[in-house]
Amino acid sequence: MIIVFVGPPGSGKGTQCKLLAAHLGVTHLSTGELFRIQMESGSELGQVAASFIDRGNLVPDHVTVDIVKESLGEAQFNVGCLLDGFPRSVPQAQALDAILAENNSQVDLVLLLDVDQNVLVDRMLARKRKDDTLNTIQQRFEAYEQWTRPLLEYYQNRGVLVSVDGRGDVDSVFERIRQVVSAVEAANQ
């Protein structure tokens, strides 16, 4: 099962992906984590990614798509995976569709974690990460509105988008997600 997590910055995608990956026994593919690994290694790709991320901007599609395509080629993804942070735009979604089609696969479910923006700003500031400043947080929200909002319509039109209330404690949100995934699994059998 291929599941995409979508949501505004700070909505808990990474946390919920880790929980769901463990629950389903599939791999969690976080583009944010892939970028961090590249940046820490000092690779050319990592330096390019850092130049965008440090300013609160999204890494260009062609760079992101290449990283994801390479990762999806690994054997561990044959049983399915959870995508966190990719796709973030309609062109990335179309690239993902092409990558998956090469393996006779497709996105089965897109989970939208829905949380109020004021709550999200507080969450991100509390993380105390170097790149979590008010300025970069605002830029992330602007990028989300510009690039990711249209993605929701793309997946809504395909009938795979489900919105999940992302408010509350981690366990409550996970239970709502687990129920949605169980329903989709049952419908696909």
N, C-alpha and C. Protein backbone atom coordinates (compact mmCIF):
# COMPACT_ATOMS: atom_id res chain seq x y z
N MET A 1 0.85 -1.18 0.00
CA MET A 1 0.00 0.00 0.00
C MET A 1 0.89 1.24 0.00
N ILE A 2 0.64 2.16 -0.91
CA ILE A 2 1.38 3.41 -0.99
C ILE A 2 0.49 4.51 -0.40
N ILE A 3 0.96 5.12 0.68
CA ILE A 3 0.21 6.17 1.37
C ILE A 3 1.04 7.43 1.39
N VAL A 4 0.41 8.54 1.02
CA VAL A 4 1.06 9.85 1.04
C VAL A 4 0.47 10.64 2.20
N PHE A 5 1.34 11.22 3.03
CA PHE A 5 0.90 12.13 4.09
C PHE A 5 1.08 13.55 3.60
N VAL A 6 0.02 14.35 3.73
CA VAL A 6 0.05 15.75 3.33
C VAL A 6 -0.48 16.56 4.49
N GLY A 7 0.03 17.75 4.64
CA GLY A 7 -0.47 18.65 5.67
C GLY A 7 0.42 19.85 5.76
N PRO A 8 -0.07 20.88 6.38
CA PRO A 8 0.75 22.08 6.52
C PRO A 8 1.97 21.80 7.39
N PRO A 9 2.97 22.69 7.32
CA PRO A 9 4.17 22.51 8.15
C PRO A 9 3.80 22.37 9.62
N GLY A 10 4.44 21.39 10.29
CA GLY A 10 4.22 21.19 11.72
C GLY A 10 2.98 20.40 12.08
N SER A 11 2.30 19.83 11.08
CA SER A 11 1.03 19.13 11.35
C SER A 11 1.22 17.75 11.95
N GLY A 12 2.46 17.26 12.01
CA GLY A 12 2.71 15.96 12.62
C GLY A 12 2.88 14.83 11.64
N LYS A 13 3.13 15.15 10.38
CA LYS A 13 3.26 14.12 9.36
C LYS A 13 4.35 13.10 9.72
N GLY A 14 5.52 13.60 10.11
CA GLY A 14 6.63 12.70 10.42
C GLY A 14 6.33 11.78 11.57
N THR A 15 5.78 12.33 12.64
CA THR A 15 5.44 11.53 13.83
C THR A 15 4.42 10.46 13.47
N GLN A 16 3.38 10.85 12.77
CA GLN A 16 2.32 9.90 12.43
C GLN A 16 2.79 8.87 11.41
N CYS A 17 3.66 9.27 10.49
CA CYS A 17 4.21 8.31 9.53
C CYS A 17 5.00 7.22 10.24
N LYS A 18 5.81 7.61 11.21
CA LYS A 18 6.61 6.62 11.94
C LYS A 18 5.71 5.62 12.65
N LEU A 19 4.66 6.13 13.28
CA LEU A 19 3.73 5.23 13.99
C LEU A 19 3.02 4.30 13.02
N LEU A 20 2.54 4.85 11.91
CA LEU A 20 1.81 4.03 10.95
C LEU A 20 2.73 3.04 10.24
N ALA A 21 3.95 3.45 9.95
CA ALA A 21 4.91 2.53 9.32
C ALA A 21 5.16 1.32 10.20
N ALA A 22 5.33 1.58 11.50
CA ALA A 22 5.54 0.47 12.44
C ALA A 22 4.30 -0.41 12.52
N HIS A 23 3.13 0.20 12.52
CA HIS A 23 1.86 -0.53 12.60
C HIS A 23 1.65 -1.42 11.36
N LEU A 24 1.98 -0.88 10.18
CA LEU A 24 1.75 -1.62 8.94
C LEU A 24 2.94 -2.50 8.53
N GLY A 25 4.12 -2.25 9.12
CA GLY A 25 5.30 -3.00 8.73
C GLY A 25 5.85 -2.58 7.38
N VAL A 26 5.72 -1.30 7.06
CA VAL A 26 6.26 -0.77 5.80
C VAL A 26 7.26 0.34 6.12
N THR A 27 7.95 0.80 5.10
CA THR A 27 8.99 1.81 5.27
C THR A 27 8.41 3.21 5.19
N HIS A 28 8.94 4.08 6.03
CA HIS A 28 8.58 5.50 6.06
C HIS A 28 9.64 6.25 5.28
N LEU A 29 9.24 6.87 4.17
CA LEU A 29 10.17 7.64 3.35
C LEU A 29 9.92 9.12 3.58
N SER A 30 10.82 9.75 4.31
CA SER A 30 10.71 11.17 4.62
C SER A 30 11.70 11.94 3.77
N THR A 31 11.20 12.80 2.88
CA THR A 31 12.13 13.60 2.08
C THR A 31 12.91 14.55 2.98
N GLY A 32 12.29 15.04 4.04
CA GLY A 32 13.02 15.90 4.98
C GLY A 32 14.22 15.18 5.56
N GLU A 33 14.04 13.91 5.93
CA GLU A 33 15.14 13.12 6.48
C GLU A 33 16.19 12.85 5.40
N LEU A 34 15.75 12.57 4.17
CA LEU A 34 16.70 12.37 3.08
C LEU A 34 17.53 13.63 2.85
N PHE A 35 16.88 14.80 2.91
CA PHE A 35 17.61 16.05 2.74
C PHE A 35 18.61 16.25 3.88
N ARG A 36 18.18 15.98 5.13
CA ARG A 36 19.08 16.14 6.28
C ARG A 36 20.32 15.24 6.13
N ILE A 37 20.11 14.01 5.70
CA ILE A 37 21.22 13.08 5.50
C ILE A 37 22.18 13.63 4.45
N GLN A 38 21.61 14.12 3.35
CA GLN A 38 22.44 14.70 2.28
C GLN A 38 23.21 15.91 2.77
N MET A 39 22.55 16.78 3.56
CA MET A 39 23.21 17.99 4.07
C MET A 39 24.32 17.64 5.04
N GLU A 40 24.07 16.68 5.93
CA GLU A 40 25.08 16.28 6.91
C GLU A 40 26.29 15.63 6.24
N SER A 41 26.05 14.95 5.12
CA SER A 41 27.16 14.30 4.42
C SER A 41 28.03 15.31 3.68
N GLY A 42 27.49 16.53 3.48
CA GLY A 42 28.24 17.55 2.76
C GLY A 42 28.26 17.34 1.27
N SER A 43 27.41 16.46 0.77
CA SER A 43 27.37 16.20 -0.67
C SER A 43 26.92 17.44 -1.43
N GLU A 44 27.18 17.43 -2.72
CA GLU A 44 26.75 18.56 -3.56
C GLU A 44 25.23 18.71 -3.50
N LEU A 45 24.54 17.59 -3.56
CA LEU A 45 23.07 17.62 -3.47
C LEU A 45 22.64 18.18 -2.12
N GLY A 46 23.34 17.80 -1.06
CA GLY A 46 23.03 18.31 0.27
C GLY A 46 23.24 19.81 0.37
N GLN A 47 24.28 20.31 -0.27
CA GLN A 47 24.54 21.75 -0.26
C GLN A 47 23.46 22.50 -1.02
N VAL A 48 23.01 21.94 -2.14
CA VAL A 48 21.93 22.57 -2.90
C VAL A 48 20.66 22.58 -2.06
N ALA A 49 20.34 21.46 -1.45
CA ALA A 49 19.15 21.38 -0.60
C ALA A 49 19.23 22.37 0.54
N ALA A 50 20.38 22.47 1.19
CA ALA A 50 20.56 23.38 2.34
C ALA A 50 20.35 24.82 1.93
N SER A 51 20.78 25.19 0.73
CA SER A 51 20.64 26.58 0.30
C SER A 51 19.18 26.99 0.20
N PHE A 52 18.30 26.05 -0.07
CA PHE A 52 16.86 26.35 -0.13
C PHE A 52 16.22 26.22 1.25
N ILE A 53 16.52 25.14 1.94
CA ILE A 53 15.89 24.86 3.23
C ILE A 53 16.22 25.93 4.26
N ASP A 54 17.46 26.38 4.29
CA ASP A 54 17.87 27.39 5.28
C ASP A 54 17.14 28.72 5.08
N ARG A 55 16.65 28.95 3.89
CA ARG A 55 15.87 30.17 3.63
C ARG A 55 14.38 29.92 3.78
N GLY A 56 14.01 28.69 4.14
CA GLY A 56 12.59 28.36 4.31
C GLY A 56 11.89 28.04 3.01
N ASN A 57 12.67 27.79 1.96
CA ASN A 57 12.08 27.49 0.65
C ASN A 57 12.09 25.99 0.39
N LEU A 58 11.26 25.57 -0.55
CA LEU A 58 11.23 24.16 -0.94
C LEU A 58 12.38 23.84 -1.88
N VAL A 59 12.90 22.65 -1.77
CA VAL A 59 13.94 22.18 -2.68
C VAL A 59 13.28 21.98 -4.06
N PRO A 60 13.95 22.36 -5.15
CA PRO A 60 13.35 22.25 -6.49
C PRO A 60 12.88 20.83 -6.81
N ASP A 61 11.83 20.76 -7.61
CA ASP A 61 11.21 19.48 -7.95
C ASP A 61 12.19 18.47 -8.51
N HIS A 62 13.03 18.89 -9.47
CA HIS A 62 13.90 17.91 -10.13
C HIS A 62 14.87 17.25 -9.14
N VAL A 63 15.34 17.99 -8.17
CA VAL A 63 16.24 17.43 -7.16
C VAL A 63 15.47 16.44 -6.27
N THR A 64 14.31 16.88 -5.82
CA THR A 64 13.50 16.05 -4.93
C THR A 64 13.06 14.76 -5.64
N VAL A 65 12.59 14.88 -6.87
CA VAL A 65 12.12 13.71 -7.62
C VAL A 65 13.24 12.70 -7.80
N ASP A 66 14.45 13.17 -8.12
CA ASP A 66 15.57 12.25 -8.30
C ASP A 66 15.89 11.49 -7.01
N ILE A 67 15.86 12.19 -5.88
CA ILE A 67 16.13 11.53 -4.59
C ILE A 67 15.07 10.48 -4.30
N VAL A 68 13.81 10.83 -4.50
CA VAL A 68 12.72 9.91 -4.21
C VAL A 68 12.75 8.71 -5.15
N LYS A 69 12.98 8.95 -6.43
CA LYS A 69 13.02 7.85 -7.40
C LYS A 69 14.10 6.85 -7.03
N GLU A 70 15.26 7.35 -6.66
CA GLU A 70 16.35 6.47 -6.25
C GLU A 70 15.96 5.65 -5.02
N SER A 71 15.33 6.29 -4.06
CA SER A 71 14.93 5.59 -2.83
C SER A 71 13.84 4.56 -3.09
N LEU A 72 12.86 4.90 -3.94
CA LEU A 72 11.78 3.97 -4.22
C LEU A 72 12.26 2.75 -5.00
N GLY A 73 13.44 2.83 -5.60
CA GLY A 73 14.00 1.69 -6.31
C GLY A 73 14.55 0.62 -5.38
N GLU A 74 14.68 0.93 -4.10
CA GLU A 74 15.21 -0.04 -3.15
C GLU A 74 14.17 -1.12 -2.85
N ALA A 75 14.62 -2.32 -2.63
CA ALA A 75 13.73 -3.48 -2.45
C ALA A 75 12.73 -3.31 -1.30
N GLN A 76 13.13 -2.60 -0.25
CA GLN A 76 12.25 -2.47 0.92
C GLN A 76 10.92 -1.80 0.59
N PHE A 77 10.85 -1.09 -0.53
CA PHE A 77 9.63 -0.38 -0.88
C PHE A 77 8.66 -1.22 -1.71
N ASN A 78 9.05 -2.44 -2.05
CA ASN A 78 8.18 -3.30 -2.86
C ASN A 78 6.88 -3.66 -2.16
N VAL A 79 6.88 -3.68 -0.83
CA VAL A 79 5.67 -4.03 -0.08
C VAL A 79 4.82 -2.81 0.24
N GLY A 80 5.29 -1.65 -0.17
CA GLY A 80 4.57 -0.41 0.08
C GLY A 80 5.40 0.53 0.90
N CYS A 81 4.91 1.75 1.04
CA CYS A 81 5.63 2.73 1.86
C CYS A 81 4.72 3.90 2.19
N LEU A 82 5.19 4.67 3.14
CA LEU A 82 4.52 5.90 3.52
C LEU A 82 5.41 7.05 3.08
N LEU A 83 4.87 7.97 2.32
CA LEU A 83 5.62 9.11 1.83
C LEU A 83 5.28 10.33 2.66
N ASP A 84 6.30 10.96 3.19
CA ASP A 84 6.16 12.11 4.07
C ASP A 84 6.97 13.27 3.48
N GLY A 85 6.27 14.30 3.02
CA GLY A 85 6.96 15.45 2.44
C GLY A 85 7.10 15.37 0.93
N PHE A 86 6.56 14.36 0.34
CA PHE A 86 6.57 14.18 -1.11
C PHE A 86 5.35 13.39 -1.50
N PRO A 87 4.64 13.81 -2.51
CA PRO A 87 4.84 15.02 -3.30
C PRO A 87 4.31 16.26 -2.58
N ARG A 88 4.85 17.41 -2.97
CA ARG A 88 4.40 18.68 -2.40
C ARG A 88 3.77 19.58 -3.44
N SER A 89 3.71 19.11 -4.67
CA SER A 89 3.13 19.91 -5.75
C SER A 89 2.52 18.95 -6.77
N VAL A 90 1.68 19.49 -7.64
CA VAL A 90 1.08 18.65 -8.68
C VAL A 90 2.15 18.07 -9.60
N PRO A 91 3.15 18.85 -10.05
CA PRO A 91 4.20 18.22 -10.88
C PRO A 91 4.92 17.07 -10.16
N GLN A 92 5.17 17.21 -8.86
CA GLN A 92 5.79 16.11 -8.11
C GLN A 92 4.85 14.91 -8.05
N ALA A 93 3.55 15.15 -7.89
CA ALA A 93 2.58 14.05 -7.86
C ALA A 93 2.55 13.33 -9.19
N GLN A 94 2.61 14.07 -10.27
CA GLN A 94 2.63 13.46 -11.59
C GLN A 94 3.91 12.65 -11.79
N ALA A 95 5.04 13.17 -11.29
CA ALA A 95 6.31 12.41 -11.37
C ALA A 95 6.21 11.13 -10.54
N LEU A 96 5.61 11.23 -9.36
CA LEU A 96 5.42 10.04 -8.52
C LEU A 96 4.54 9.02 -9.23
N ASP A 97 3.46 9.47 -9.84
CA ASP A 97 2.59 8.55 -10.59
C ASP A 97 3.38 7.81 -11.65
N ALA A 98 4.26 8.52 -12.37
CA ALA A 98 5.06 7.89 -13.42
C ALA A 98 6.05 6.88 -12.83
N ILE A 99 6.68 7.25 -11.72
CA ILE A 99 7.62 6.34 -11.05
C ILE A 99 6.90 5.06 -10.61
N LEU A 100 5.74 5.23 -9.98
CA LEU A 100 4.99 4.07 -9.49
C LEU A 100 4.44 3.23 -10.64
N ALA A 101 4.01 3.88 -11.72
CA ALA A 101 3.47 3.15 -12.87
C ALA A 101 4.51 2.20 -13.47
N GLU A 102 5.79 2.60 -13.40
CA GLU A 102 6.86 1.73 -13.90
C GLU A 102 6.88 0.40 -13.15
N ASN A 103 6.36 0.39 -11.92
CA ASN A 103 6.32 -0.82 -11.10
C ASN A 103 4.89 -1.33 -10.94
N ASN A 104 4.00 -0.93 -11.85
CA ASN A 104 2.59 -1.33 -11.80
C ASN A 104 1.96 -1.05 -10.44
N SER A 105 2.25 0.13 -9.91
CA SER A 105 1.73 0.53 -8.62
C SER A 105 1.09 1.91 -8.73
N GLN A 106 0.47 2.34 -7.64
CA GLN A 106 -0.15 3.67 -7.62
C GLN A 106 -0.34 4.10 -6.17
N VAL A 107 -0.64 5.38 -5.99
CA VAL A 107 -0.95 5.90 -4.66
C VAL A 107 -2.32 5.36 -4.27
N ASP A 108 -2.39 4.70 -3.11
CA ASP A 108 -3.64 4.11 -2.64
C ASP A 108 -4.44 5.06 -1.76
N LEU A 109 -3.73 5.92 -1.02
CA LEU A 109 -4.38 6.79 -0.04
C LEU A 109 -3.53 8.02 0.20
N VAL A 110 -4.20 9.17 0.29
CA VAL A 110 -3.53 10.42 0.66
C VAL A 110 -4.22 10.91 1.92
N LEU A 111 -3.46 10.99 3.01
CA LEU A 111 -3.98 11.44 4.29
C LEU A 111 -3.60 12.90 4.51
N LEU A 112 -4.60 13.75 4.64
CA LEU A 112 -4.39 15.16 4.93
C LEU A 112 -4.56 15.38 6.42
N LEU A 113 -3.48 15.77 7.10
CA LEU A 113 -3.57 16.11 8.52
C LEU A 113 -3.99 17.57 8.61
N ASP A 114 -5.18 17.79 9.11
CA ASP A 114 -5.78 19.12 9.16
C ASP A 114 -5.63 19.71 10.56
N VAL A 115 -4.87 20.82 10.67
CA VAL A 115 -4.62 21.48 11.96
C VAL A 115 -4.62 23.00 11.72
N ASP A 116 -5.16 23.75 12.67
CA ASP A 116 -5.19 25.21 12.60
C ASP A 116 -3.77 25.78 12.57
N GLN A 117 -3.56 26.81 11.75
CA GLN A 117 -2.23 27.38 11.57
C GLN A 117 -1.63 27.94 12.86
N ASN A 118 -2.43 28.56 13.73
CA ASN A 118 -1.89 29.10 14.99
C ASN A 118 -1.31 27.99 15.87
N VAL A 119 -1.97 26.86 15.89
CA VAL A 119 -1.49 25.71 16.65
C VAL A 119 -0.16 25.22 16.06
N LEU A 120 -0.09 25.23 14.74
CA LEU A 120 1.12 24.75 14.07
C LEU A 120 2.32 25.65 14.34
N VAL A 121 2.12 26.96 14.33
CA VAL A 121 3.22 27.88 14.60
C VAL A 121 3.77 27.62 16.00
N ASP A 122 2.88 27.47 16.98
CA ASP A 122 3.32 27.18 18.35
C ASP A 122 4.10 25.87 18.41
N ARG A 123 3.61 24.85 17.71
CA ARG A 123 4.31 23.55 17.70
C ARG A 123 5.73 23.69 17.16
N MET A 124 5.85 24.41 16.02
CA MET A 124 7.17 24.50 15.39
C MET A 124 8.15 25.33 16.22
N LEU A 125 7.68 26.39 16.81
CA LEU A 125 8.57 27.20 17.65
C LEU A 125 9.03 26.40 18.87
N ALA A 126 8.16 25.52 19.38
CA ALA A 126 8.51 24.71 20.55
C ALA A 126 9.58 23.67 20.22
N ARG A 127 9.72 23.29 18.93
CA ARG A 127 10.73 22.30 18.55
C ARG A 127 12.15 22.84 18.72
N LYS A 128 12.29 24.16 18.63
CA LYS A 128 13.59 24.85 18.79
C LYS A 128 14.64 24.38 17.79
N ARG A 129 14.18 24.09 16.55
CA ARG A 129 15.15 23.76 15.50
C ARG A 129 15.73 25.03 14.92
N LYS A 130 16.96 24.92 14.40
CA LYS A 130 17.66 26.07 13.84
C LYS A 130 16.83 26.75 12.73
N ASP A 131 16.16 25.94 11.91
CA ASP A 131 15.42 26.50 10.78
C ASP A 131 13.95 26.81 11.12
N ASP A 132 13.57 26.75 12.40
CA ASP A 132 12.21 27.07 12.83
C ASP A 132 12.15 28.47 13.43
N THR A 133 12.30 29.49 12.58
CA THR A 133 12.13 30.87 12.99
C THR A 133 10.78 31.35 12.47
N LEU A 134 10.28 32.43 13.04
CA LEU A 134 8.99 32.96 12.57
C LEU A 134 9.03 33.25 11.07
N ASN A 135 10.15 33.78 10.60
CA ASN A 135 10.26 34.11 9.18
C ASN A 135 10.21 32.86 8.30
N THR A 136 11.02 31.85 8.64
CA THR A 136 11.02 30.64 7.81
C THR A 136 9.71 29.88 7.94
N ILE A 137 9.09 29.92 9.12
CA ILE A 137 7.80 29.26 9.30
C ILE A 137 6.76 29.90 8.39
N GLN A 138 6.72 31.24 8.35
CA GLN A 138 5.78 31.94 7.49
C GLN A 138 6.03 31.60 6.02
N GLN A 139 7.31 31.52 5.63
CA GLN A 139 7.64 31.17 4.25
C GLN A 139 7.16 29.76 3.92
N ARG A 140 7.27 28.85 4.88
CA ARG A 140 6.79 27.48 4.65
C ARG A 140 5.27 27.46 4.44
N PHE A 141 4.55 28.24 5.24
CA PHE A 141 3.10 28.30 5.06
C PHE A 141 2.73 28.89 3.70
N GLU A 142 3.46 29.92 3.28
CA GLU A 142 3.20 30.51 1.97
C GLU A 142 3.47 29.51 0.85
N ALA A 143 4.57 28.77 0.97
CA ALA A 143 4.89 27.75 -0.03
C ALA A 143 3.83 26.64 -0.03
N TYR A 144 3.38 26.26 1.15
CA TYR A 144 2.33 25.24 1.26
C TYR A 144 1.07 25.70 0.53
N GLU A 145 0.65 26.92 0.77
CA GLU A 145 -0.55 27.45 0.12
C GLU A 145 -0.39 27.51 -1.39
N GLN A 146 0.78 27.94 -1.84
CA GLN A 146 1.00 28.09 -3.27
C GLN A 146 1.12 26.75 -4.00
N TRP A 147 1.89 25.83 -3.42
CA TRP A 147 2.22 24.61 -4.14
C TRP A 147 1.43 23.38 -3.70
N THR A 148 1.18 23.25 -2.42
CA THR A 148 0.57 22.01 -1.93
C THR A 148 -0.95 22.06 -1.96
N ARG A 149 -1.56 23.19 -1.74
CA ARG A 149 -3.03 23.25 -1.79
C ARG A 149 -3.58 22.69 -3.11
N PRO A 150 -3.00 23.06 -4.28
CA PRO A 150 -3.50 22.48 -5.53
C PRO A 150 -3.37 20.96 -5.58
N LEU A 151 -2.39 20.43 -4.87
CA LEU A 151 -2.18 18.98 -4.80
C LEU A 151 -3.39 18.28 -4.18
N LEU A 152 -4.00 18.95 -3.21
CA LEU A 152 -5.17 18.37 -2.55
C LEU A 152 -6.30 18.15 -3.56
N GLU A 153 -6.51 19.11 -4.43
CA GLU A 153 -7.55 18.96 -5.46
C GLU A 153 -7.20 17.83 -6.43
N TYR A 154 -5.91 17.73 -6.77
CA TYR A 154 -5.44 16.68 -7.66
C TYR A 154 -5.81 15.30 -7.09
N TYR A 155 -5.53 15.09 -5.81
CA TYR A 155 -5.83 13.80 -5.20
C TYR A 155 -7.31 13.64 -4.88
N GLN A 156 -7.99 14.73 -4.60
CA GLN A 156 -9.45 14.67 -4.38
C GLN A 156 -10.13 14.17 -5.66
N ASN A 157 -9.69 14.70 -6.79
CA ASN A 157 -10.27 14.29 -8.07
C ASN A 157 -10.00 12.82 -8.39
N ARG A 158 -8.93 12.27 -7.84
CA ARG A 158 -8.62 10.85 -8.03
C ARG A 158 -9.33 9.97 -7.01
N GLY A 159 -9.97 10.59 -6.03
CA GLY A 159 -10.74 9.83 -5.04
C GLY A 159 -9.92 9.15 -3.96
N VAL A 160 -8.70 9.63 -3.73
CA VAL A 160 -7.84 8.97 -2.73
C VAL A 160 -7.52 9.87 -1.53
N LEU A 161 -8.04 11.10 -1.52
CA LEU A 161 -7.75 12.04 -0.43
C LEU A 161 -8.75 11.88 0.71
N VAL A 162 -8.21 11.74 1.93
CA VAL A 162 -9.04 11.68 3.14
C VAL A 162 -8.44 12.66 4.15
N SER A 163 -9.28 13.56 4.65
CA SER A 163 -8.84 14.52 5.66
C SER A 163 -9.02 13.92 7.05
N VAL A 164 -7.99 14.08 7.89
CA VAL A 164 -8.00 13.57 9.25
C VAL A 164 -7.73 14.74 10.19
N ASP A 165 -8.52 14.86 11.24
CA ASP A 165 -8.33 15.90 12.23
C ASP A 165 -6.99 15.66 12.93
N GLY A 166 -6.04 16.59 12.76
CA GLY A 166 -4.71 16.44 13.32
C GLY A 166 -4.54 17.10 14.68
N ARG A 167 -5.66 17.53 15.29
CA ARG A 167 -5.57 18.15 16.62
C ARG A 167 -5.61 17.08 17.70
N GLY A 168 -5.05 17.41 18.84
CA GLY A 168 -5.07 16.48 19.96
C GLY A 168 -3.74 15.80 20.15
N ASP A 169 -3.73 14.85 21.08
CA ASP A 169 -2.47 14.16 21.37
C ASP A 169 -2.14 13.16 20.26
N VAL A 170 -0.91 12.75 20.23
CA VAL A 170 -0.38 11.88 19.18
C VAL A 170 -1.20 10.60 19.05
N ASP A 171 -1.56 9.97 20.17
CA ASP A 171 -2.29 8.71 20.13
C ASP A 171 -3.70 8.87 19.56
N SER A 172 -4.36 9.96 19.89
CA SER A 172 -5.72 10.20 19.37
C SER A 172 -5.69 10.40 17.86
N VAL A 173 -4.72 11.19 17.39
CA VAL A 173 -4.59 11.42 15.95
C VAL A 173 -4.27 10.10 15.25
N PHE A 174 -3.35 9.31 15.84
CA PHE A 174 -2.99 8.04 15.23
C PHE A 174 -4.19 7.11 15.14
N GLU A 175 -5.03 7.08 16.14
CA GLU A 175 -6.20 6.22 16.11
C GLU A 175 -7.13 6.61 14.96
N ARG A 176 -7.30 7.91 14.74
CA ARG A 176 -8.14 8.35 13.61
C ARG A 176 -7.52 7.91 12.29
N ILE A 177 -6.20 8.03 12.18
CA ILE A 177 -5.50 7.61 10.96
C ILE A 177 -5.63 6.10 10.77
N ARG A 178 -5.42 5.35 11.84
CA ARG A 178 -5.50 3.89 11.76
C ARG A 178 -6.86 3.43 11.26
N GLN A 179 -7.92 4.08 11.72
CA GLN A 179 -9.27 3.73 11.29
C GLN A 179 -9.47 3.98 9.79
N VAL A 180 -8.95 5.10 9.30
CA VAL A 180 -9.05 5.40 7.87
C VAL A 180 -8.30 4.36 7.06
N VAL A 181 -7.07 4.06 7.47
CA VAL A 181 -6.25 3.09 6.73
C VAL A 181 -6.90 1.72 6.73
N SER A 182 -7.44 1.30 7.86
CA SER A 182 -8.13 0.00 7.94
C SER A 182 -9.31 -0.06 6.98
N ALA A 183 -10.05 1.03 6.89
CA ALA A 183 -11.19 1.08 5.98
C ALA A 183 -10.75 0.99 4.53
N VAL A 184 -9.67 1.66 4.18
CA VAL A 184 -9.16 1.60 2.81
C VAL A 184 -8.61 0.20 2.49
N GLU A 185 -7.89 -0.39 3.44
CA GLU A 185 -7.39 -1.75 3.24
C GLU A 185 -8.54 -2.72 3.01
N ALA A 186 -9.59 -2.61 3.80
CA ALA A 186 -10.76 -3.50 3.65
C ALA A 186 -11.42 -3.30 2.30
N ALA A 187 -11.51 -2.06 1.86
CA ALA A 187 -12.16 -1.76 0.57
C ALA A 187 -11.32 -2.27 -0.61
N ASN A 188 -10.00 -2.34 -0.44
CA ASN A 188 -9.11 -2.77 -1.53
C ASN A 188 -8.94 -4.29 -1.61
N GLN A 189 -9.51 -5.03 -0.65
CA GLN A 189 -9.33 -6.49 -0.68
C GLN A 189 -10.37 -7.17 -1.53
